[in-house]
Amino acid sequence: MKILDTTKLAKLHSVDKLFTKKYGAKGTPSRDAFEEKAIVNYYSEIFRDKRKELKLTQTELAERIGKKRAYVTLLEKGETDMQLSTFFSLSNALGFRFSLT
């Protein structure tokens, strides 16, 4: 059985420390902007992956939600903000269901 080297472990940085160094402390404008962008990218990937799973083109999805294909492209790349109404339109078009409990 291999024993962990505590000297090496002590030299490791936590993700929070690395993020603080690169984006600033939690609650700062730069860190908040980074975290918002991370959330946008997270949902963009979920929507894109579900669209592909359903074998829908961007054009077909755009038609389902009443938007243009170029807008869907921007959404999937995380390059534009999405209104809450668009979030729910996309969710419904892709078969996601939400409930408040």
PDB file of N, CA and C in Angstrom:
ATOM      1  N   MET A   1       0.846  -1.178   0.000  1.00  0.00           N
ATOM      2  CA  MET A   1       0.000   0.000   0.000  1.00  0.00           C
ATOM      3  C   MET A   1       0.889   1.239   0.000  1.00  0.00           C
ATOM      4  N   LYS A   2       0.551   2.182  -0.875  1.00  0.00           N
ATOM      5  CA  LYS A   2       1.325   3.406  -0.998  1.00  0.00           C
ATOM      6  C   LYS A   2       0.800   4.455  -0.023  1.00  0.00           C
ATOM      7  N   ILE A   3       1.692   5.099   0.695  1.00  0.00           N
ATOM      8  CA  ILE A   3       1.310   6.135   1.649  1.00  0.00           C
ATOM      9  C   ILE A   3       1.435   7.494   0.969  1.00  0.00           C
ATOM     10  N   LEU A   4       0.470   8.378   1.225  1.00  0.00           N
ATOM     11  CA  LEU A   4       0.507   9.709   0.636  1.00  0.00           C
ATOM     12  C   LEU A   4       1.642  10.524   1.234  1.00  0.00           C
ATOM     13  N   ASP A   5       2.296  11.280   0.384  1.00  0.00           N
ATOM     14  CA  ASP A   5       3.387  12.142   0.817  1.00  0.00           C
ATOM     15  C   ASP A   5       2.790  13.462   1.306  1.00  0.00           C
ATOM     16  N   THR A   6       2.773  13.649   2.616  1.00  0.00           N
ATOM     17  CA  THR A   6       2.152  14.854   3.191  1.00  0.00           C
ATOM     18  C   THR A   6       2.895  16.126   2.808  1.00  0.00           C
ATOM     19  N   THR A   7       4.179  16.024   2.518  1.00  0.00           N
ATOM     20  CA  THR A   7       4.945  17.198   2.080  1.00  0.00           C
ATOM     21  C   THR A   7       4.422  17.684   0.729  1.00  0.00           C
ATOM     22  N   LYS A   8       4.193  16.749  -0.185  1.00  0.00           N
ATOM     23  CA  LYS A   8       3.658  17.106  -1.497  1.00  0.00           C
ATOM     24  C   LYS A   8       2.220  17.615  -1.372  1.00  0.00           C
ATOM     25  N   LEU A   9       1.442  16.956  -0.527  1.00  0.00           N
ATOM     26  CA  LEU A   9       0.056  17.387  -0.340  1.00  0.00           C
ATOM     27  C   LEU A   9      -0.028  18.811   0.191  1.00  0.00           C
ATOM     28  N   ALA A  10       0.875  19.179   1.084  1.00  0.00           N
ATOM     29  CA  ALA A  10       0.874  20.520   1.677  1.00  0.00           C
ATOM     30  C   ALA A  10       1.159  21.594   0.639  1.00  0.00           C
ATOM     31  N   LYS A  11       1.834  21.215  -0.446  1.00  0.00           N
ATOM     32  CA  LYS A  11       2.180  22.184  -1.494  1.00  0.00           C
ATOM     33  C   LYS A  11       1.050  22.411  -2.494  1.00  0.00           C
ATOM     34  N   LEU A  12       0.029  21.555  -2.453  1.00  0.00           N
ATOM     35  CA  LEU A  12      -1.096  21.701  -3.382  1.00  0.00           C
ATOM     36  C   LEU A  12      -1.928  22.930  -3.036  1.00  0.00           C
ATOM     37  N   HIS A  13      -2.448  23.564  -4.051  1.00  0.00           N
ATOM     38  CA  HIS A  13      -3.303  24.738  -3.866  1.00  0.00           C
ATOM     39  C   HIS A  13      -4.759  24.319  -3.986  1.00  0.00           C
ATOM     40  N   SER A  14      -5.605  24.958  -3.215  1.00  0.00           N
ATOM     41  CA  SER A  14      -7.033  24.693  -3.364  1.00  0.00           C
ATOM     42  C   SER A  14      -7.547  25.467  -4.574  1.00  0.00           C
ATOM     43  N   VAL A  15      -8.646  24.994  -5.122  1.00  0.00           N
ATOM     44  CA  VAL A  15      -9.253  25.677  -6.259  1.00  0.00           C
ATOM     45  C   VAL A  15      -9.626  27.101  -5.855  1.00  0.00           C
ATOM     46  N   ASP A  16     -10.160  27.254  -4.655  1.00  0.00           N
ATOM     47  CA  ASP A  16     -10.548  28.593  -4.200  1.00  0.00           C
ATOM     48  C   ASP A  16      -9.347  29.534  -4.164  1.00  0.00           C
ATOM     49  N   LYS A  17      -8.205  29.048  -3.702  1.00  0.00           N
ATOM     50  CA  LYS A  17      -7.005  29.901  -3.669  1.00  0.00           C
ATOM     51  C   LYS A  17      -6.562  30.277  -5.080  1.00  0.00           C
ATOM     52  N   LEU A  18      -6.631  29.303  -5.995  1.00  0.00           N
ATOM     53  CA  LEU A  18      -6.252  29.595  -7.381  1.00  0.00           C
ATOM     54  C   LEU A  18      -7.210  30.602  -8.014  1.00  0.00           C
ATOM     55  N   PHE A  19      -8.512  30.425  -7.769  1.00  0.00           N
ATOM     56  CA  PHE A  19      -9.491  31.375  -8.296  1.00  0.00           C
ATOM     57  C   PHE A  19      -9.299  32.754  -7.689  1.00  0.00           C
ATOM     58  N   THR A  20      -9.018  32.811  -6.408  1.00  0.00           N
ATOM     59  CA  THR A  20      -8.792  34.100  -5.739  1.00  0.00           C
ATOM     60  C   THR A  20      -7.593  34.807  -6.353  1.00  0.00           C
ATOM     61  N   LYS A  21      -6.549  34.052  -6.612  1.00  0.00           N
ATOM     62  CA  LYS A  21      -5.347  34.644  -7.220  1.00  0.00           C
ATOM     63  C   LYS A  21      -5.641  35.175  -8.622  1.00  0.00           C
ATOM     64  N   LYS A  22      -6.401  34.417  -9.394  1.00  0.00           N
ATOM     65  CA  LYS A  22      -6.648  34.796 -10.785  1.00  0.00           C
ATOM     66  C   LYS A  22      -7.802  35.788 -10.943  1.00  0.00           C
ATOM     67  N   TYR A  23      -8.905  35.600 -10.164  1.00  0.00           N
ATOM     68  CA  TYR A  23     -10.118  36.391 -10.382  1.00  0.00           C
ATOM     69  C   TYR A  23     -10.480  37.313  -9.227  1.00  0.00           C
ATOM     70  N   GLY A  24      -9.744  37.248  -8.137  1.00  0.00           N
ATOM     71  CA  GLY A  24     -10.040  38.081  -6.979  1.00  0.00           C
ATOM     72  C   GLY A  24     -10.842  37.309  -5.942  1.00  0.00           C
ATOM     73  N   ALA A  25     -10.968  37.915  -4.785  1.00  0.00           N
ATOM     74  CA  ALA A  25     -11.684  37.275  -3.675  1.00  0.00           C
ATOM     75  C   ALA A  25     -13.169  37.185  -3.976  1.00  0.00           C
ATOM     76  N   LYS A  26     -13.832  36.230  -3.310  1.00  0.00           N
ATOM     77  CA  LYS A  26     -15.284  36.106  -3.451  1.00  0.00           C
ATOM     78  C   LYS A  26     -15.929  37.430  -3.059  1.00  0.00           C
ATOM     79  N   GLY A  27     -16.930  37.814  -3.857  1.00  0.00           N
ATOM     80  CA  GLY A  27     -17.631  39.063  -3.588  1.00  0.00           C
ATOM     81  C   GLY A  27     -17.076  40.267  -4.328  1.00  0.00           C
ATOM     82  N   THR A  28     -15.908  40.118  -4.966  1.00  0.00           N
ATOM     83  CA  THR A  28     -15.362  41.226  -5.749  1.00  0.00           C
ATOM     84  C   THR A  28     -15.994  41.200  -7.136  1.00  0.00           C
ATOM     85  N   PRO A  29     -16.058  42.347  -7.791  1.00  0.00           N
ATOM     86  CA  PRO A  29     -16.670  42.387  -9.127  1.00  0.00           C
ATOM     87  C   PRO A  29     -16.034  41.413 -10.124  1.00  0.00           C
ATOM     88  N   SER A  30     -14.709  41.280 -10.087  1.00  0.00           N
ATOM     89  CA  SER A  30     -14.054  40.387 -11.047  1.00  0.00           C
ATOM     90  C   SER A  30     -14.385  38.922 -10.765  1.00  0.00           C
ATOM     91  N   ARG A  31     -14.468  38.539  -9.504  1.00  0.00           N
ATOM     92  CA  ARG A  31     -14.817  37.153  -9.154  1.00  0.00           C
ATOM     93  C   ARG A  31     -16.283  36.878  -9.482  1.00  0.00           C
ATOM     94  N   ASP A  32     -17.146  37.856  -9.179  1.00  0.00           N
ATOM     95  CA  ASP A  32     -18.564  37.696  -9.496  1.00  0.00           C
ATOM     96  C   ASP A  32     -18.766  37.514 -11.000  1.00  0.00           C
ATOM     97  N   ALA A  33     -18.049  38.305 -11.800  1.00  0.00           N
ATOM     98  CA  ALA A  33     -18.162  38.199 -13.261  1.00  0.00           C
ATOM     99  C   ALA A  33     -17.705  36.827 -13.733  1.00  0.00           C
ATOM    100  N   PHE A  34     -16.601  36.322 -13.164  1.00  0.00           N
ATOM    101  CA  PHE A  34     -16.114  34.990 -13.525  1.00  0.00           C
ATOM    102  C   PHE A  34     -17.152  33.923 -13.183  1.00  0.00           C
ATOM    103  N   GLU A  35     -17.716  33.987 -11.985  1.00  0.00           N
ATOM    104  CA  GLU A  35     -18.682  32.975 -11.553  1.00  0.00           C
ATOM    105  C   GLU A  35     -19.962  33.027 -12.393  1.00  0.00           C
ATOM    106  N   GLU A  36     -20.400  34.232 -12.761  1.00  0.00           N
ATOM    107  CA  GLU A  36     -21.574  34.353 -13.631  1.00  0.00           C
ATOM    108  C   GLU A  36     -21.306  33.719 -14.993  1.00  0.00           C
ATOM    109  N   LYS A  37     -20.122  33.975 -15.540  1.00  0.00           N
ATOM    110  CA  LYS A  37     -19.747  33.403 -16.839  1.00  0.00           C
ATOM    111  C   LYS A  37     -19.681  31.875 -16.745  1.00  0.00           C
ATOM    112  N   ALA A  38     -19.201  31.360 -15.629  1.00  0.00           N
ATOM    113  CA  ALA A  38     -19.125  29.905 -15.442  1.00  0.00           C
ATOM    114  C   ALA A  38     -20.522  29.293 -15.437  1.00  0.00           C
ATOM    115  N   ILE A  39     -21.473  29.947 -14.801  1.00  0.00           N
ATOM    116  CA  ILE A  39     -22.850  29.449 -14.754  1.00  0.00           C
ATOM    117  C   ILE A  39     -23.470  29.478 -16.150  1.00  0.00           C
ATOM    118  N   VAL A  40     -23.236  30.565 -16.871  1.00  0.00           N
ATOM    119  CA  VAL A  40     -23.753  30.679 -18.245  1.00  0.00           C
ATOM    120  C   VAL A  40     -23.206  29.538 -19.100  1.00  0.00           C
ATOM    121  N   ASN A  41     -21.907  29.287 -18.998  1.00  0.00           N
ATOM    122  CA  ASN A  41     -21.296  28.211 -19.782  1.00  0.00           C
ATOM    123  C   ASN A  41     -21.850  26.847 -19.386  1.00  0.00           C
ATOM    124  N   TYR A  42     -22.115  26.656 -18.114  1.00  0.00           N
ATOM    125  CA  TYR A  42     -22.679  25.393 -17.622  1.00  0.00           C
ATOM    126  C   TYR A  42     -24.030  25.115 -18.290  1.00  0.00           C
ATOM    127  N   TYR A  43     -24.932  26.096 -18.241  1.00  0.00           N
ATOM    128  CA  TYR A  43     -26.247  25.899 -18.845  1.00  0.00           C
ATOM    129  C   TYR A  43     -26.186  25.841 -20.358  1.00  0.00           C
ATOM    130  N   SER A  44     -25.285  26.580 -20.957  1.00  0.00           N
ATOM    131  CA  SER A  44     -25.115  26.525 -22.413  1.00  0.00           C
ATOM    132  C   SER A  44     -24.763  25.111 -22.861  1.00  0.00           C
ATOM    133  N   GLU A  45     -23.866  24.480 -22.134  1.00  0.00           N
ATOM    134  CA  GLU A  45     -23.473  23.109 -22.480  1.00  0.00           C
ATOM    135  C   GLU A  45     -24.625  22.130 -22.285  1.00  0.00           C
ATOM    136  N   ILE A  46     -25.383  22.294 -21.218  1.00  0.00           N
ATOM    137  CA  ILE A  46     -26.519  21.406 -20.975  1.00  0.00           C
ATOM    138  C   ILE A  46     -27.526  21.517 -22.118  1.00  0.00           C
ATOM    139  N   PHE A  47     -27.867  22.742 -22.504  1.00  0.00           N
ATOM    140  CA  PHE A  47     -28.829  22.938 -23.584  1.00  0.00           C
ATOM    141  C   PHE A  47     -28.299  22.392 -24.903  1.00  0.00           C
ATOM    142  N   ARG A  48     -27.034  22.670 -25.220  1.00  0.00           N
ATOM    143  CA  ARG A  48     -26.455  22.184 -26.478  1.00  0.00           C
ATOM    144  C   ARG A  48     -26.433  20.651 -26.512  1.00  0.00           C
ATOM    145  N   ASP A  49     -25.990  20.044 -25.421  1.00  0.00           N
ATOM    146  CA  ASP A  49     -25.921  18.579 -25.377  1.00  0.00           C
ATOM    147  C   ASP A  49     -27.309  17.946 -25.507  1.00  0.00           C
ATOM    148  N   LYS A  50     -28.311  18.541 -24.877  1.00  0.00           N
ATOM    149  CA  LYS A  50     -29.672  17.997 -24.972  1.00  0.00           C
ATOM    150  C   LYS A  50     -30.206  18.162 -26.387  1.00  0.00           C
ATOM    151  N   ARG A  51     -29.945  19.312 -27.016  1.00  0.00           N
ATOM    152  CA  ARG A  51     -30.382  19.526 -28.400  1.00  0.00           C
ATOM    153  C   ARG A  51     -29.801  18.449 -29.302  1.00  0.00           C
ATOM    154  N   LYS A  52     -28.509  18.183 -29.140  1.00  0.00           N
ATOM    155  CA  LYS A  52     -27.853  17.168 -29.962  1.00  0.00           C
ATOM    156  C   LYS A  52     -28.401  15.776 -29.661  1.00  0.00           C
ATOM    157  N   GLU A  53     -28.665  15.497 -28.395  1.00  0.00           N
ATOM    158  CA  GLU A  53     -29.239  14.203 -28.014  1.00  0.00           C
ATOM    159  C   GLU A  53     -30.591  13.978 -28.696  1.00  0.00           C
ATOM    160  N   LEU A  54     -31.363  15.058 -28.811  1.00  0.00           N
ATOM    161  CA  LEU A  54     -32.667  14.985 -29.464  1.00  0.00           C
ATOM    162  C   LEU A  54     -32.565  15.058 -30.988  1.00  0.00           C
ATOM    163  N   LYS A  55     -31.337  15.200 -31.481  1.00  0.00           N
ATOM    164  CA  LYS A  55     -31.060  15.283 -32.916  1.00  0.00           C
ATOM    165  C   LYS A  55     -31.787  16.460 -33.580  1.00  0.00           C
ATOM    166  N   LEU A  56     -31.795  17.579 -32.855  1.00  0.00           N
ATOM    167  CA  LEU A  56     -32.365  18.822 -33.390  1.00  0.00           C
ATOM    168  C   LEU A  56     -31.241  19.692 -33.922  1.00  0.00           C
ATOM    169  N   THR A  57     -31.497  20.374 -35.012  1.00  0.00           N
ATOM    170  CA  THR A  57     -30.542  21.373 -35.488  1.00  0.00           C
ATOM    171  C   THR A  57     -30.787  22.659 -34.711  1.00  0.00           C
ATOM    172  N   GLN A  58     -29.839  23.562 -34.790  1.00  0.00           N
ATOM    173  CA  GLN A  58     -30.034  24.867 -34.157  1.00  0.00           C
ATOM    174  C   GLN A  58     -31.230  25.581 -34.780  1.00  0.00           C
ATOM    175  N   THR A  59     -31.403  25.417 -36.073  1.00  0.00           N
ATOM    176  CA  THR A  59     -32.533  26.048 -36.763  1.00  0.00           C
ATOM    177  C   THR A  59     -33.860  25.502 -36.238  1.00  0.00           C
ATOM    178  N   GLU A  60     -33.945  24.189 -36.081  1.00  0.00           N
ATOM    179  CA  GLU A  60     -35.177  23.583 -35.566  1.00  0.00           C
ATOM    180  C   GLU A  60     -35.477  24.054 -34.144  1.00  0.00           C
ATOM    181  N   LEU A  61     -34.453  24.124 -33.314  1.00  0.00           N
ATOM    182  CA  LEU A  61     -34.659  24.607 -31.948  1.00  0.00           C
ATOM    183  C   LEU A  61     -35.079  26.069 -31.962  1.00  0.00           C
ATOM    184  N   ALA A  62     -34.437  26.851 -32.794  1.00  0.00           N
ATOM    185  CA  ALA A  62     -34.784  28.274 -32.897  1.00  0.00           C
ATOM    186  C   ALA A  62     -36.250  28.445 -33.289  1.00  0.00           C
ATOM    187  N   GLU A  63     -36.718  27.643 -34.223  1.00  0.00           N
ATOM    188  CA  GLU A  63     -38.127  27.710 -34.640  1.00  0.00           C
ATOM    189  C   GLU A  63     -39.054  27.355 -33.487  1.00  0.00           C
ATOM    190  N   ARG A  64     -38.668  26.372 -32.689  1.00  0.00           N
ATOM    191  CA  ARG A  64     -39.495  25.960 -31.550  1.00  0.00           C
ATOM    192  C   ARG A  64     -39.642  27.057 -30.500  1.00  0.00           C
ATOM    193  N   ILE A  65     -38.601  27.894 -30.366  1.00  0.00           N
ATOM    194  CA  ILE A  65     -38.650  28.935 -29.330  1.00  0.00           C
ATOM    195  C   ILE A  65     -38.911  30.334 -29.895  1.00  0.00           C
ATOM    196  N   GLY A  66     -39.117  30.409 -31.202  1.00  0.00           N
ATOM    197  CA  GLY A  66     -39.436  31.692 -31.814  1.00  0.00           C
ATOM    198  C   GLY A  66     -38.264  32.653 -31.904  1.00  0.00           C
ATOM    199  N   LYS A  67     -37.067  32.095 -32.080  1.00  0.00           N
ATOM    200  CA  LYS A  67     -35.855  32.923 -32.206  1.00  0.00           C
ATOM    201  C   LYS A  67     -35.148  32.555 -33.497  1.00  0.00           C
ATOM    202  N   LYS A  68     -34.078  33.275 -33.805  1.00  0.00           N
ATOM    203  CA  LYS A  68     -33.276  32.981 -34.992  1.00  0.00           C
ATOM    204  C   LYS A  68     -32.158  32.005 -34.635  1.00  0.00           C
ATOM    205  N   ARG A  69     -31.709  31.255 -35.638  1.00  0.00           N
ATOM    206  CA  ARG A  69     -30.629  30.295 -35.420  1.00  0.00           C
ATOM    207  C   ARG A  69     -29.385  30.957 -34.860  1.00  0.00           C
ATOM    208  N   ALA A  70     -29.064  32.156 -35.342  1.00  0.00           N
ATOM    209  CA  ALA A  70     -27.867  32.856 -34.870  1.00  0.00           C
ATOM    210  C   ALA A  70     -27.930  33.104 -33.365  1.00  0.00           C
ATOM    211  N   TYR A  71     -29.129  33.357 -32.846  1.00  0.00           N
ATOM    212  CA  TYR A  71     -29.300  33.581 -31.411  1.00  0.00           C
ATOM    213  C   TYR A  71     -29.031  32.289 -30.641  1.00  0.00           C
ATOM    214  N   VAL A  72     -29.513  31.159 -31.152  1.00  0.00           N
ATOM    215  CA  VAL A  72     -29.262  29.859 -30.512  1.00  0.00           C
ATOM    216  C   VAL A  72     -27.759  29.584 -30.501  1.00  0.00           C
ATOM    217  N   THR A  73     -27.089  29.908 -31.589  1.00  0.00           N
ATOM    218  CA  THR A  73     -25.639  29.729 -31.659  1.00  0.00           C
ATOM    219  C   THR A  73     -24.949  30.520 -30.555  1.00  0.00           C
ATOM    220  N   LEU A  74     -25.332  31.780 -30.401  1.00  0.00           N
ATOM    221  CA  LEU A  74     -24.734  32.614 -29.357  1.00  0.00           C
ATOM    222  C   LEU A  74     -25.020  32.059 -27.964  1.00  0.00           C
ATOM    223  N   LEU A  75     -26.244  31.588 -27.754  1.00  0.00           N
ATOM    224  CA  LEU A  75     -26.599  31.004 -26.468  1.00  0.00           C
ATOM    225  C   LEU A  75     -25.742  29.779 -26.167  1.00  0.00           C
ATOM    226  N   GLU A  76     -25.588  28.912 -27.148  1.00  0.00           N
ATOM    227  CA  GLU A  76     -24.821  27.684 -26.944  1.00  0.00           C
ATOM    228  C   GLU A  76     -23.343  27.960 -26.714  1.00  0.00           C
ATOM    229  N   LYS A  77     -22.853  29.060 -27.220  1.00  0.00           N
ATOM    230  CA  LYS A  77     -21.461  29.447 -26.990  1.00  0.00           C
ATOM    231  C   LYS A  77     -21.299  30.250 -25.701  1.00  0.00           C
ATOM    232  N   GLY A  78     -22.410  30.604 -25.065  1.00  0.00           N
ATOM    233  CA  GLY A  78     -22.352  31.407 -23.849  1.00  0.00           C
ATOM    234  C   GLY A  78     -21.956  32.842 -24.117  1.00  0.00           C
ATOM    235  N   GLU A  79     -22.257  33.310 -25.325  1.00  0.00           N
ATOM    236  CA  GLU A  79     -21.817  34.641 -25.737  1.00  0.00           C
ATOM    237  C   GLU A  79     -22.902  35.706 -25.635  1.00  0.00           C
ATOM    238  N   THR A  80     -24.060  35.349 -25.114  1.00  0.00           N
ATOM    239  CA  THR A  80     -25.114  36.333 -24.942  1.00  0.00           C
ATOM    240  C   THR A  80     -25.910  35.997 -23.691  1.00  0.00           C
ATOM    241  N   ASP A  81     -26.463  37.019 -23.085  1.00  0.00           N
ATOM    242  CA  ASP A  81     -27.305  36.788 -21.919  1.00  0.00           C
ATOM    243  C   ASP A  81     -28.651  36.249 -22.361  1.00  0.00           C
ATOM    244  N   MET A  82     -29.236  35.477 -21.504  1.00  0.00           N
ATOM    245  CA  MET A  82     -30.511  34.853 -21.797  1.00  0.00           C
ATOM    246  C   MET A  82     -31.542  35.375 -20.793  1.00  0.00           C
ATOM    247  N   GLN A  83     -32.671  35.817 -21.304  1.00  0.00           N
ATOM    248  CA  GLN A  83     -33.752  36.225 -20.417  1.00  0.00           C
ATOM    249  C   GLN A  83     -34.374  34.988 -19.786  1.00  0.00           C
ATOM    250  N   LEU A  84     -34.997  35.178 -18.661  1.00  0.00           N
ATOM    251  CA  LEU A  84     -35.642  34.061 -17.974  1.00  0.00           C
ATOM    252  C   LEU A  84     -36.693  33.405 -18.864  1.00  0.00           C
ATOM    253  N   SER A  85     -37.419  34.205 -19.612  1.00  0.00           N
ATOM    254  CA  SER A  85     -38.432  33.643 -20.505  1.00  0.00           C
ATOM    255  C   SER A  85     -37.798  32.749 -21.562  1.00  0.00           C
ATOM    256  N   THR A  86     -36.625  33.122 -22.071  1.00  0.00           N
ATOM    257  CA  THR A  86     -35.917  32.293 -23.048  1.00  0.00           C
ATOM    258  C   THR A  86     -35.415  31.019 -22.397  1.00  0.00           C
ATOM    259  N   PHE A  87     -34.942  31.118 -21.171  1.00  0.00           N
ATOM    260  CA  PHE A  87     -34.496  29.947 -20.428  1.00  0.00           C
ATOM    261  C   PHE A  87     -35.617  28.914 -20.337  1.00  0.00           C
ATOM    262  N   PHE A  88     -36.824  29.386 -19.985  1.00  0.00           N
ATOM    263  CA  PHE A  88     -37.950  28.463 -19.871  1.00  0.00           C
ATOM    264  C   PHE A  88     -38.423  27.966 -21.237  1.00  0.00           C
ATOM    265  N   SER A  89     -38.376  28.817 -22.249  1.00  0.00           N
ATOM    266  CA  SER A  89     -38.736  28.374 -23.601  1.00  0.00           C
ATOM    267  C   SER A  89     -37.804  27.268 -24.079  1.00  0.00           C
ATOM    268  N   LEU A  90     -36.511  27.475 -23.883  1.00  0.00           N
ATOM    269  CA  LEU A  90     -35.533  26.450 -24.252  1.00  0.00           C
ATOM    270  C   LEU A  90     -35.761  25.172 -23.459  1.00  0.00           C
ATOM    271  N   SER A  91     -35.962  25.321 -22.178  1.00  0.00           N
ATOM    272  CA  SER A  91     -36.180  24.159 -21.314  1.00  0.00           C
ATOM    273  C   SER A  91     -37.375  23.347 -21.777  1.00  0.00           C
ATOM    274  N   ASN A  92     -38.472  24.031 -22.051  1.00  0.00           N
ATOM    275  CA  ASN A  92     -39.677  23.339 -22.520  1.00  0.00           C
ATOM    276  C   ASN A  92     -39.451  22.681 -23.876  1.00  0.00           C
ATOM    277  N   ALA A  93     -38.794  23.388 -24.786  1.00  0.00           N
ATOM    278  CA  ALA A  93     -38.548  22.849 -26.126  1.00  0.00           C
ATOM    279  C   ALA A  93     -37.660  21.608 -26.085  1.00  0.00           C
ATOM    280  N   LEU A  94     -36.805  21.530 -25.073  1.00  0.00           N
ATOM    281  CA  LEU A  94     -35.880  20.407 -24.964  1.00  0.00           C
ATOM    282  C   LEU A  94     -36.373  19.323 -24.001  1.00  0.00           C
ATOM    283  N   GLY A  95     -37.545  19.544 -23.416  1.00  0.00           N
ATOM    284  CA  GLY A  95     -38.128  18.524 -22.553  1.00  0.00           C
ATOM    285  C   GLY A  95     -37.706  18.576 -21.096  1.00  0.00           C
ATOM    286  N   PHE A  96     -37.075  19.653 -20.685  1.00  0.00           N
ATOM    287  CA  PHE A  96     -36.737  19.809 -19.268  1.00  0.00           C
ATOM    288  C   PHE A  96     -37.957  20.320 -18.527  1.00  0.00           C
ATOM    289  N   ARG A  97     -38.127  19.891 -17.298  1.00  0.00           N
ATOM    290  CA  ARG A  97     -39.247  20.355 -16.469  1.00  0.00           C
ATOM    291  C   ARG A  97     -38.721  20.861 -15.139  1.00  0.00           C
ATOM    292  N   PHE A  98     -39.244  21.981 -14.724  1.00  0.00           N
ATOM    293  CA  PHE A  98     -38.846  22.585 -13.445  1.00  0.00           C
ATOM    294  C   PHE A  98     -40.074  22.740 -12.565  1.00  0.00           C
ATOM    295  N   SER A  99     -39.847  22.670 -11.281  1.00  0.00           N
ATOM    296  CA  SER A  99     -40.928  22.948 -10.356  1.00  0.00           C
ATOM    297  C   SER A  99     -40.354  23.639  -9.131  1.00  0.00           C
ATOM    298  N   LEU A 100     -41.162  24.444  -8.530  1.00  0.00           N
ATOM    299  CA  LEU A 100     -40.780  25.123  -7.291  1.00  0.00           C
ATOM    300  C   LEU A 100     -41.424  24.380  -6.143  1.00  0.00           C
ATOM    301  N   THR A 101     -40.621  24.003  -5.187  1.00  0.00           N
ATOM    302  CA  THR A 101     -41.182  23.272  -4.034  1.00  0.00           C
ATOM    303  C   THR A 101     -40.846  23.974  -2.755  1.00  0.00           C
TER     304      THR A 101
END
